[in-house]
Amino acid sequence: MASIGSVTKQIAALEISNKKPILTSATSSHRLGHTKQPSQTSVTKLLTKYGAPNPFTNTINKPTQPSCLRNPTPCGQPQAPTTSQSTIDIGTYDGGLELENEKRGERVFGEAAEELALNSSTSRKSPTREWTLHDFDMGRPLGKGKFGRVYMVRTKNPNYILALKTLYKSEIVQSKVEKQIRREIEIQQNLRHPNVLRLYGYFHDEKRIFLMLEFAGKGELYKQLSKHGCFTEKRSSRYIYQMADALIYLHGKHVIHRDIKPENLLLGINGELKIGDFGWSVHAPGNRRMTLCGTLDYLPPEMVEGKEHNEKVDYWALGVLTYEFLIGNPPFEDRSSVNNTYRRIAKVDLKFPSNISAEARDLISRLLQYDPQSRLALTEVLRHPWIVKHRPRGTGTGVVRDSAV
């Protein structure tokens, strides 16, 4: 296994940015294939590369008791940390949090202070133990974001590797994203699925918010796609199985993601896919929304035409993602004109190269339907011949391991 130090060096040059703007013809992130730089980097995507291991091993596993990271009381006998967790080199702490805090940020007051007083120990739904900076062995810096730094840390009891992300409250207020940050944290905190990146806890002090995020050991899926240009049908099929399973879970929780794309996906230690960004997600029990959001190439017809939308925008995005995995570019991309991309989406101007199998074409075509009600149900995606054909024998997880791709 590669050391954390060697992996960290690979991301040392990355600049981690904040949330994506709402798309207009002037601000849209028009994709330029996989030679481009990653567009609209999310608040959590690059920061969540080093976190505690996911408690699930496959999609049929269910939690039998609360996580010791989350539970304010002991969960039975404490489990001995694995060798890789307890002895792994997390690097040397540079004192950056203290140094930065002397010069950066200001206290916030009034309504903003109340909005950003975020502490998972006081959460009504899933309270955790109370966390402070003293509960972590601090390691090396992993990167800098728009709102603060990210450090590799190890919890002292039990020993888990996490990414600890800092956000300066005053800068959040200046960017007018208080409600968006709070909504993203509240949504992600309550999600438990093997293909959804885990937010273990969060806490704050006078000037900062701290997020404790899961370890996604193999990093960004986008980098893999950029490296290979496209994926094999076998690899793509298994990723789409996992995505469909995760979306079924999210929609069952009345969460619409609204920004599915390769840049928002990570890979776990076993190569499993993880949704790692919820910046445009919404909890919508009524299911009808009007906000234009997401990334241009993944917008469905109902969004580009300014109509109401529901959870079936994620069905459409799954079809676009499948196409991009197999081809290397999204299906309606027009590099010469944003307006042409809008028109191609509205017309569902879908074209396939000759090397794509009939089964893959069928799945994509049945997801990329103009009428949201005509799009293939996610439960049917799991049973589609193209998915079943490439599913690992003897398992229903669809987990993509290095030996299988």
Protein backbone atom coordinates (compact mmCIF):
# COMPACT_ATOMS: atom_id res chain seq x y z
CA MET A 1 0.00 0.00 0.00
CA ALA A 2 1.36 3.42 -0.86
CA SER A 3 2.20 5.60 2.10
CA ILE A 4 0.04 8.56 2.97
CA GLY A 5 3.06 10.75 2.40
CA SER A 6 3.44 9.65 -1.21
CA VAL A 7 -0.25 10.04 -1.87
CA THR A 8 -0.34 13.45 -0.26
CA LYS A 9 2.43 14.73 -2.51
CA GLN A 10 0.22 13.98 -5.48
CA ILE A 11 -2.37 16.50 -4.30
CA ALA A 12 0.00 19.08 -2.86
CA ALA A 13 -0.38 21.34 -5.89
CA LEU A 14 -4.14 21.21 -5.98
CA GLU A 15 -6.04 24.40 -5.23
CA ILE A 16 -9.35 23.63 -3.61
CA SER A 17 -12.13 26.06 -4.37
CA ASN A 18 -15.62 26.71 -3.11
CA LYS A 19 -19.14 26.07 -4.34
CA LYS A 20 -20.31 26.30 -7.91
CA PRO A 21 -22.24 29.35 -9.11
CA ILE A 22 -25.73 28.98 -10.47
CA LEU A 23 -25.38 28.46 -14.18
CA THR A 24 -26.27 31.07 -16.74
CA SER A 25 -25.03 31.39 -20.29
CA ALA A 26 -22.33 33.70 -18.95
CA THR A 27 -21.25 31.64 -15.94
CA SER A 28 -21.79 28.06 -17.10
CA SER A 29 -19.00 25.57 -16.72
CA HIS A 30 -18.72 24.36 -20.29
CA ARG A 31 -16.78 21.14 -20.33
CA LEU A 32 -13.90 20.62 -22.70
CA GLY A 33 -13.32 16.91 -22.46
CA HIS A 34 -10.82 15.20 -20.21
CA THR A 35 -7.83 17.30 -21.14
CA LYS A 36 -9.47 20.15 -19.23
CA GLN A 37 -8.87 21.11 -15.64
CA PRO A 38 -11.57 19.90 -13.23
CA SER A 39 -14.39 22.44 -13.29
CA GLN A 40 -16.15 24.03 -10.35
CA THR A 41 -14.34 22.15 -7.60
CA SER A 42 -16.76 21.47 -4.75
CA VAL A 43 -16.56 22.43 -1.09
CA THR A 44 -15.92 18.82 -0.06
CA LYS A 45 -14.62 16.93 -3.08
CA LEU A 46 -10.86 17.36 -2.82
CA LEU A 47 -10.92 17.86 0.92
CA THR A 48 -12.39 14.46 1.65
CA LYS A 49 -9.60 12.36 0.28
CA TYR A 50 -8.43 11.25 3.70
CA GLY A 51 -11.12 10.16 6.12
CA ALA A 52 -12.17 7.34 8.40
CA PRO A 53 -13.01 4.08 6.65
CA ASN A 54 -16.61 3.60 5.54
CA PRO A 55 -18.45 1.40 8.04
CA PHE A 56 -20.09 -0.59 5.22
CA THR A 57 -18.36 -3.27 3.19
CA ASN A 58 -21.13 -3.68 0.64
CA THR A 59 -24.59 -2.44 -0.19
CA ILE A 60 -26.40 -5.11 1.78
CA ASN A 61 -24.61 -4.34 5.05
CA LYS A 62 -26.66 -2.44 7.60
CA PRO A 63 -25.34 -0.67 10.70
CA THR A 64 -25.98 -2.81 13.78
CA GLN A 65 -24.97 -0.13 16.26
CA PRO A 66 -23.95 3.54 16.18
CA SER A 67 -20.42 4.36 15.07
CA CYS A 68 -17.96 4.99 17.89
CA LEU A 69 -16.97 8.16 16.04
CA ARG A 70 -20.53 9.40 16.27
CA ASN A 71 -21.89 7.88 19.48
CA PRO A 72 -21.48 10.01 22.62
CA THR A 73 -21.31 6.81 24.73
CA PRO A 74 -19.11 3.71 24.21
CA CYS A 75 -20.42 1.28 21.58
CA GLY A 76 -19.72 -2.00 23.29
CA GLN A 77 -16.11 -3.08 23.49
CA PRO A 78 -13.86 -0.69 21.56
CA GLN A 79 -12.46 -2.24 18.43
CA ALA A 80 -8.69 -2.37 18.22
CA PRO A 81 -7.44 -0.07 15.48
CA THR A 82 -5.99 -1.71 12.42
CA THR A 83 -2.26 -1.44 11.89
CA SER A 84 -2.73 0.86 8.91
CA GLN A 85 -4.92 3.19 10.98
CA SER A 86 -2.78 3.35 14.12
CA THR A 87 0.73 3.38 12.67
CA ILE A 88 0.27 5.23 9.41
CA ASP A 89 2.39 8.35 9.10
CA ILE A 90 0.14 11.39 9.12
CA GLY A 91 3.08 13.74 8.76
CA THR A 92 4.31 16.67 10.78
CA TYR A 93 1.93 19.40 11.82
CA ASP A 94 3.11 22.86 10.73
CA GLY A 95 1.12 24.89 13.24
CA GLY A 96 -0.82 26.40 10.38
CA LEU A 97 -4.22 26.46 12.07
CA GLU A 98 -2.97 28.63 14.91
CA LEU A 99 -0.84 30.87 12.69
CA GLU A 100 -3.64 31.38 10.20
CA ASN A 101 -6.23 32.02 12.89
CA GLU A 102 -4.20 34.98 14.19
CA LYS A 103 -4.39 36.77 10.83
CA ARG A 104 -7.46 35.44 9.09
CA GLY A 105 -11.18 35.77 9.61
CA GLU A 106 -13.30 37.70 12.06
CA ARG A 107 -15.98 36.85 14.56
CA VAL A 108 -19.50 36.99 13.23
CA PHE A 109 -22.49 38.19 15.19
CA GLY A 110 -26.25 38.17 15.16
CA GLU A 111 -28.21 35.97 12.79
CA ALA A 112 -25.09 34.87 10.90
CA ALA A 113 -23.47 33.69 14.13
CA GLU A 114 -26.54 31.61 14.95
CA GLU A 115 -26.71 30.20 11.42
CA LEU A 116 -23.08 29.06 11.55
CA ALA A 117 -22.98 27.76 15.15
CA LEU A 118 -22.75 24.22 13.80
CA ASN A 119 -22.02 21.36 16.19
CA SER A 120 -22.91 17.74 15.51
CA SER A 121 -23.08 16.99 19.25
CA THR A 122 -26.25 19.10 19.46
CA SER A 123 -27.84 17.74 16.28
CA ARG A 124 -31.45 16.74 16.89
CA LYS A 125 -31.40 13.78 14.49
CA SER A 126 -28.00 12.13 14.97
CA PRO A 127 -26.02 13.70 17.81
CA THR A 128 -22.36 12.74 18.08
CA ARG A 129 -19.99 13.03 20.99
CA GLU A 130 -18.64 16.53 21.51
CA TRP A 131 -15.51 17.18 19.48
CA THR A 132 -12.76 19.78 19.86
CA LEU A 133 -9.35 20.26 18.26
CA HIS A 134 -7.80 18.54 21.31
CA ASP A 135 -9.38 15.24 20.19
CA PHE A 136 -7.06 14.95 17.18
CA ASP A 137 -3.43 14.22 16.49
CA MET A 138 -2.70 16.84 13.87
CA GLY A 139 -0.83 15.84 10.73
CA ARG A 140 0.40 17.45 7.58
CA PRO A 141 -1.60 19.98 5.55
CA LEU A 142 -3.50 18.54 2.60
CA GLY A 143 -4.50 21.72 0.86
CA LYS A 144 -5.98 25.18 1.02
CA GLY A 145 -9.54 26.03 0.15
CA LYS A 146 -11.38 29.26 -0.34
CA PHE A 147 -12.68 29.22 3.23
CA GLY A 148 -9.74 27.61 5.05
CA ARG A 149 -7.19 24.81 5.28
CA VAL A 150 -7.44 21.03 5.31
CA TYR A 151 -5.30 18.79 7.50
CA MET A 152 -4.73 15.10 7.83
CA VAL A 153 -5.62 14.11 11.38
CA ARG A 154 -6.02 11.01 13.51
CA THR A 155 -8.67 10.79 16.18
CA LYS A 156 -7.19 9.87 19.55
CA ASN A 157 -9.89 7.41 20.59
CA PRO A 158 -10.55 5.39 18.52
CA ASN A 159 -7.73 5.81 15.99
CA TYR A 160 -9.16 6.82 12.63
CA ILE A 161 -7.64 8.82 9.83
CA LEU A 162 -9.78 11.77 8.78
CA ALA A 163 -9.61 14.92 6.74
CA LEU A 164 -10.28 17.89 9.00
CA LYS A 165 -11.51 20.80 6.96
CA THR A 166 -11.74 24.35 8.27
CA LEU A 167 -14.16 27.04 7.12
CA TYR A 168 -13.89 30.66 8.24
CA LYS A 169 -17.32 31.93 9.18
CA SER A 170 -16.73 35.54 8.16
CA GLU A 171 -15.70 34.48 4.67
CA ILE A 172 -18.79 32.32 4.33
CA VAL A 173 -20.88 35.36 5.29
CA GLN A 174 -19.04 37.56 2.80
CA SER A 175 -19.79 35.03 0.05
CA LYS A 176 -23.45 34.88 1.15
CA VAL A 177 -23.53 31.08 1.28
CA GLU A 178 -24.43 30.55 4.94
CA LYS A 179 -27.66 28.70 4.18
CA GLN A 180 -26.06 26.63 1.43
CA ILE A 181 -23.19 25.51 3.66
CA ARG A 182 -25.55 24.68 6.50
CA ARG A 183 -27.88 22.75 4.19
CA GLU A 184 -25.02 20.74 2.70
CA ILE A 185 -23.72 19.79 6.15
CA GLU A 186 -27.15 18.87 7.47
CA ILE A 187 -27.90 16.70 4.45
CA GLN A 188 -24.56 14.88 4.38
CA GLN A 189 -24.50 14.31 8.15
CA ASN A 190 -27.61 12.16 7.98
CA LEU A 191 -26.61 9.93 5.06
CA ARG A 192 -25.44 6.33 5.56
CA HIS A 193 -24.66 4.46 2.38
CA PRO A 194 -21.47 2.72 1.18
CA ASN A 195 -21.44 4.87 -1.98
CA VAL A 196 -22.01 8.18 -0.19
CA LEU A 197 -19.07 9.92 1.44
CA ARG A 198 -19.53 10.08 5.19
CA LEU A 199 -19.52 13.23 7.29
CA TYR A 200 -18.66 11.93 10.76
CA GLY A 201 -19.05 15.12 12.72
CA TYR A 202 -18.51 18.85 12.86
CA PHE A 203 -17.87 21.52 15.44
CA HIS A 204 -17.00 25.21 15.60
CA ASP A 205 -15.21 27.90 17.55
CA GLU A 206 -15.54 31.67 17.50
CA LYS A 207 -14.25 32.06 13.94
CA ARG A 208 -14.24 28.65 12.27
CA ILE A 209 -16.28 25.56 11.40
CA PHE A 210 -14.50 22.18 11.34
CA LEU A 211 -15.72 19.21 9.28
CA MET A 212 -14.64 15.60 9.93
CA LEU A 213 -14.78 13.76 6.62
CA GLU A 214 -14.38 10.17 5.49
CA PHE A 215 -11.26 8.66 3.97
CA ALA A 216 -11.66 8.09 0.24
CA GLY A 217 -8.48 6.13 -0.20
CA LYS A 218 -8.19 6.08 -3.98
CA GLY A 219 -8.96 9.74 -4.51
CA GLU A 220 -10.89 11.40 -7.28
CA LEU A 221 -12.74 9.44 -9.94
CA TYR A 222 -12.30 12.37 -12.31
CA LYS A 223 -8.53 11.89 -12.24
CA GLN A 224 -8.97 8.26 -13.26
CA LEU A 225 -11.25 9.27 -16.12
CA SER A 226 -8.79 11.94 -17.23
CA LYS A 227 -5.94 9.45 -17.10
CA HIS A 228 -7.67 6.76 -19.16
CA GLY A 229 -9.81 8.99 -21.40
CA CYS A 230 -12.78 6.70 -20.86
CA PHE A 231 -13.61 3.53 -18.96
CA THR A 232 -14.30 0.03 -20.20
CA GLU A 233 -17.92 -1.10 -20.34
CA LYS A 234 -17.25 -3.45 -17.44
CA ARG A 235 -15.86 -0.74 -15.21
CA SER A 236 -18.51 1.78 -16.27
CA SER A 237 -21.32 -0.67 -15.64
CA ARG A 238 -20.17 -1.38 -12.11
CA TYR A 239 -19.83 2.30 -11.29
CA ILE A 240 -23.33 2.99 -12.67
CA TYR A 241 -24.74 0.16 -10.55
CA GLN A 242 -23.29 1.82 -7.47
CA MET A 243 -24.54 5.26 -8.52
CA ALA A 244 -28.06 3.96 -9.12
CA ASP A 245 -28.07 2.21 -5.75
CA ALA A 246 -26.88 5.39 -3.99
CA LEU A 247 -29.49 7.52 -5.79
CA ILE A 248 -32.27 5.14 -4.80
CA TYR A 249 -31.13 5.63 -1.22
CA LEU A 250 -30.94 9.43 -1.54
CA HIS A 251 -34.36 9.71 -3.18
CA GLY A 252 -35.80 7.50 -0.46
CA LYS A 253 -34.57 10.17 1.95
CA HIS A 254 -36.17 12.87 -0.25
CA VAL A 255 -32.73 14.18 -1.22
CA ILE A 256 -32.28 15.31 -4.83
CA HIS A 257 -28.59 15.57 -5.69
CA ARG A 258 -28.82 17.87 -8.75
CA ASP A 259 -25.11 17.88 -9.62
CA ILE A 260 -24.02 14.36 -10.54
CA LYS A 261 -20.79 14.48 -12.58
CA PRO A 262 -17.32 12.86 -12.46
CA GLU A 263 -15.78 15.80 -10.57
CA ASN A 264 -18.11 15.18 -7.63
CA LEU A 265 -17.25 11.51 -7.23
CA LEU A 266 -14.50 9.84 -5.21
CA LEU A 267 -13.16 6.31 -4.91
CA GLY A 268 -12.92 4.40 -1.65
CA ILE A 269 -10.07 2.20 -0.50
CA ASN A 270 -11.53 -0.80 -2.37
CA GLY A 271 -12.24 1.19 -5.51
CA GLU A 272 -15.90 1.71 -4.69
CA LEU A 273 -17.55 4.88 -5.95
CA LYS A 274 -18.56 7.56 -3.46
CA ILE A 275 -20.67 10.65 -3.97
CA GLY A 276 -18.59 13.34 -2.32
CA ASP A 277 -20.31 16.66 -2.91
CA PHE A 278 -23.77 17.80 -1.86
CA GLY A 279 -23.44 21.51 -2.58
CA TRP A 280 -26.50 21.66 -4.85
CA SER A 281 -28.46 18.95 -3.09
CA VAL A 282 -31.83 19.69 -1.58
CA HIS A 283 -34.12 17.92 0.83
CA ALA A 284 -37.43 18.20 -1.00
CA PRO A 285 -40.29 16.02 0.30
CA GLY A 286 -42.60 17.86 -2.13
CA ASN A 287 -40.17 16.98 -4.94
CA ARG A 288 -40.94 20.07 -7.10
CA ARG A 289 -38.14 22.61 -7.52
CA MET A 290 -37.40 25.54 -9.81
CA THR A 291 -33.74 26.47 -9.15
CA LEU A 292 -31.41 26.25 -12.15
CA CYS A 293 -28.30 24.63 -10.76
CA GLY A 294 -25.64 22.08 -11.55
CA THR A 295 -23.25 21.84 -14.48
CA LEU A 296 -24.31 22.71 -18.02
CA ASP A 297 -23.52 19.43 -19.75
CA TYR A 298 -25.53 17.50 -17.15
CA LEU A 299 -28.62 19.72 -17.06
CA PRO A 300 -31.85 18.00 -18.15
CA PRO A 301 -34.33 19.53 -20.63
CA GLU A 302 -36.71 20.65 -17.89
CA MET A 303 -33.97 22.77 -16.30
CA VAL A 304 -32.69 24.38 -19.49
CA GLU A 305 -36.29 25.22 -20.40
CA GLY A 306 -36.94 26.78 -17.00
CA LYS A 307 -39.57 24.26 -15.90
CA GLU A 308 -40.16 22.64 -12.52
CA HIS A 309 -38.02 19.63 -11.80
CA ASN A 310 -37.99 16.72 -9.37
CA GLU A 311 -35.72 13.80 -8.48
CA LYS A 312 -35.77 12.60 -12.10
CA VAL A 313 -33.11 15.20 -12.92
CA ASP A 314 -30.76 12.68 -11.29
CA TYR A 315 -32.01 9.95 -13.66
CA TRP A 316 -31.02 12.14 -16.60
CA ALA A 317 -27.62 12.90 -15.03
CA LEU A 318 -27.03 9.17 -14.57
CA GLY A 319 -27.53 8.70 -18.31
CA VAL A 320 -25.11 11.52 -19.09
CA LEU A 321 -22.59 10.04 -16.65
CA THR A 322 -22.85 6.62 -18.27
CA TYR A 323 -22.19 8.15 -21.67
CA GLU A 324 -19.21 10.15 -20.40
CA PHE A 325 -17.69 7.10 -18.73
CA LEU A 326 -17.84 5.18 -22.01
CA ILE A 327 -17.03 7.94 -24.51
CA GLY A 328 -14.92 10.38 -22.53
CA ASN A 329 -17.16 13.38 -23.16
CA PRO A 330 -20.76 14.24 -22.24
CA PRO A 331 -23.31 13.53 -24.99
CA PHE A 332 -24.58 17.05 -25.68
CA GLU A 333 -21.32 18.96 -25.43
CA ASP A 334 -20.74 21.60 -28.09
CA ARG A 335 -17.41 23.30 -27.58
CA SER A 336 -18.19 26.09 -30.01
CA SER A 337 -21.31 27.40 -28.31
CA VAL A 338 -23.03 27.20 -24.96
CA ASN A 339 -26.34 27.93 -26.69
CA ASN A 340 -25.81 24.96 -29.00
CA THR A 341 -25.36 22.76 -25.95
CA TYR A 342 -28.65 24.07 -24.55
CA ARG A 343 -30.38 23.33 -27.87
CA ARG A 344 -28.94 19.83 -28.11
CA ILE A 345 -30.13 19.06 -24.58
CA ALA A 346 -33.62 20.39 -25.28
CA LYS A 347 -33.85 18.31 -28.48
CA VAL A 348 -32.18 15.27 -26.87
CA ASP A 349 -29.79 15.25 -29.81
CA LEU A 350 -28.15 11.98 -28.80
CA LYS A 351 -25.52 10.33 -30.99
CA PHE A 352 -23.46 7.22 -30.31
CA PRO A 353 -20.10 6.14 -31.73
CA SER A 354 -20.08 2.70 -33.31
CA ASN A 355 -17.96 1.05 -30.61
CA ILE A 356 -20.66 1.31 -27.90
CA SER A 357 -22.56 -1.92 -27.32
CA ALA A 358 -26.27 -2.15 -28.05
CA GLU A 359 -27.00 -2.87 -24.40
CA ALA A 360 -25.16 0.25 -23.22
CA ARG A 361 -26.93 2.34 -25.85
CA ASP A 362 -30.26 1.01 -24.69
CA LEU A 363 -29.65 1.97 -21.06
CA ILE A 364 -28.42 5.45 -21.93
CA SER A 365 -31.28 6.07 -24.34
CA ARG A 366 -33.86 5.00 -21.78
CA LEU A 367 -32.41 7.37 -19.17
CA LEU A 368 -32.02 10.33 -21.54
CA GLN A 369 -35.69 10.83 -22.24
CA TYR A 370 -37.15 14.32 -22.72
CA ASP A 371 -40.18 13.49 -20.59
CA PRO A 372 -39.00 12.94 -17.00
CA GLN A 373 -41.77 10.41 -16.41
CA SER A 374 -40.48 8.29 -19.30
CA ARG A 375 -36.98 7.87 -17.87
CA LEU A 376 -36.03 4.39 -16.76
CA ALA A 377 -36.63 3.85 -13.04
CA LEU A 378 -33.51 3.39 -10.97
CA THR A 379 -34.68 0.00 -9.75
CA GLU A 380 -34.87 -1.04 -13.41
CA VAL A 381 -31.37 0.30 -13.99
CA LEU A 382 -30.12 -2.22 -11.43
CA ARG A 383 -31.81 -5.01 -13.41
CA HIS A 384 -30.85 -3.79 -16.87
CA PRO A 385 -29.04 -6.43 -18.98
CA TRP A 386 -25.96 -4.21 -19.37
CA ILE A 387 -25.65 -3.88 -15.59
CA VAL A 388 -26.37 -7.55 -14.86
CA LYS A 389 -23.93 -8.69 -17.55
CA HIS A 390 -20.98 -7.00 -15.83
CA ARG A 391 -21.96 -7.54 -12.21
CA PRO A 392 -19.35 -9.56 -10.29
CA ARG A 393 -20.41 -13.16 -9.81
CA GLY A 394 -21.71 -14.05 -6.41
CA THR A 395 -22.17 -10.47 -5.33
CA GLY A 396 -24.74 -7.74 -5.76
CA THR A 397 -22.47 -4.90 -4.77
CA GLY A 398 -20.94 -4.00 -8.09
CA VAL A 399 -17.81 -2.83 -6.22
CA VAL A 400 -15.01 -2.08 -8.66
CA ARG A 401 -11.72 -3.45 -7.41
CA ASP A 402 -8.40 -2.93 -9.08
CA SER A 403 -8.23 -6.57 -10.14
CA ALA A 404 -11.54 -6.29 -11.89
CA VAL A 405 -10.96 -3.32 -14.17
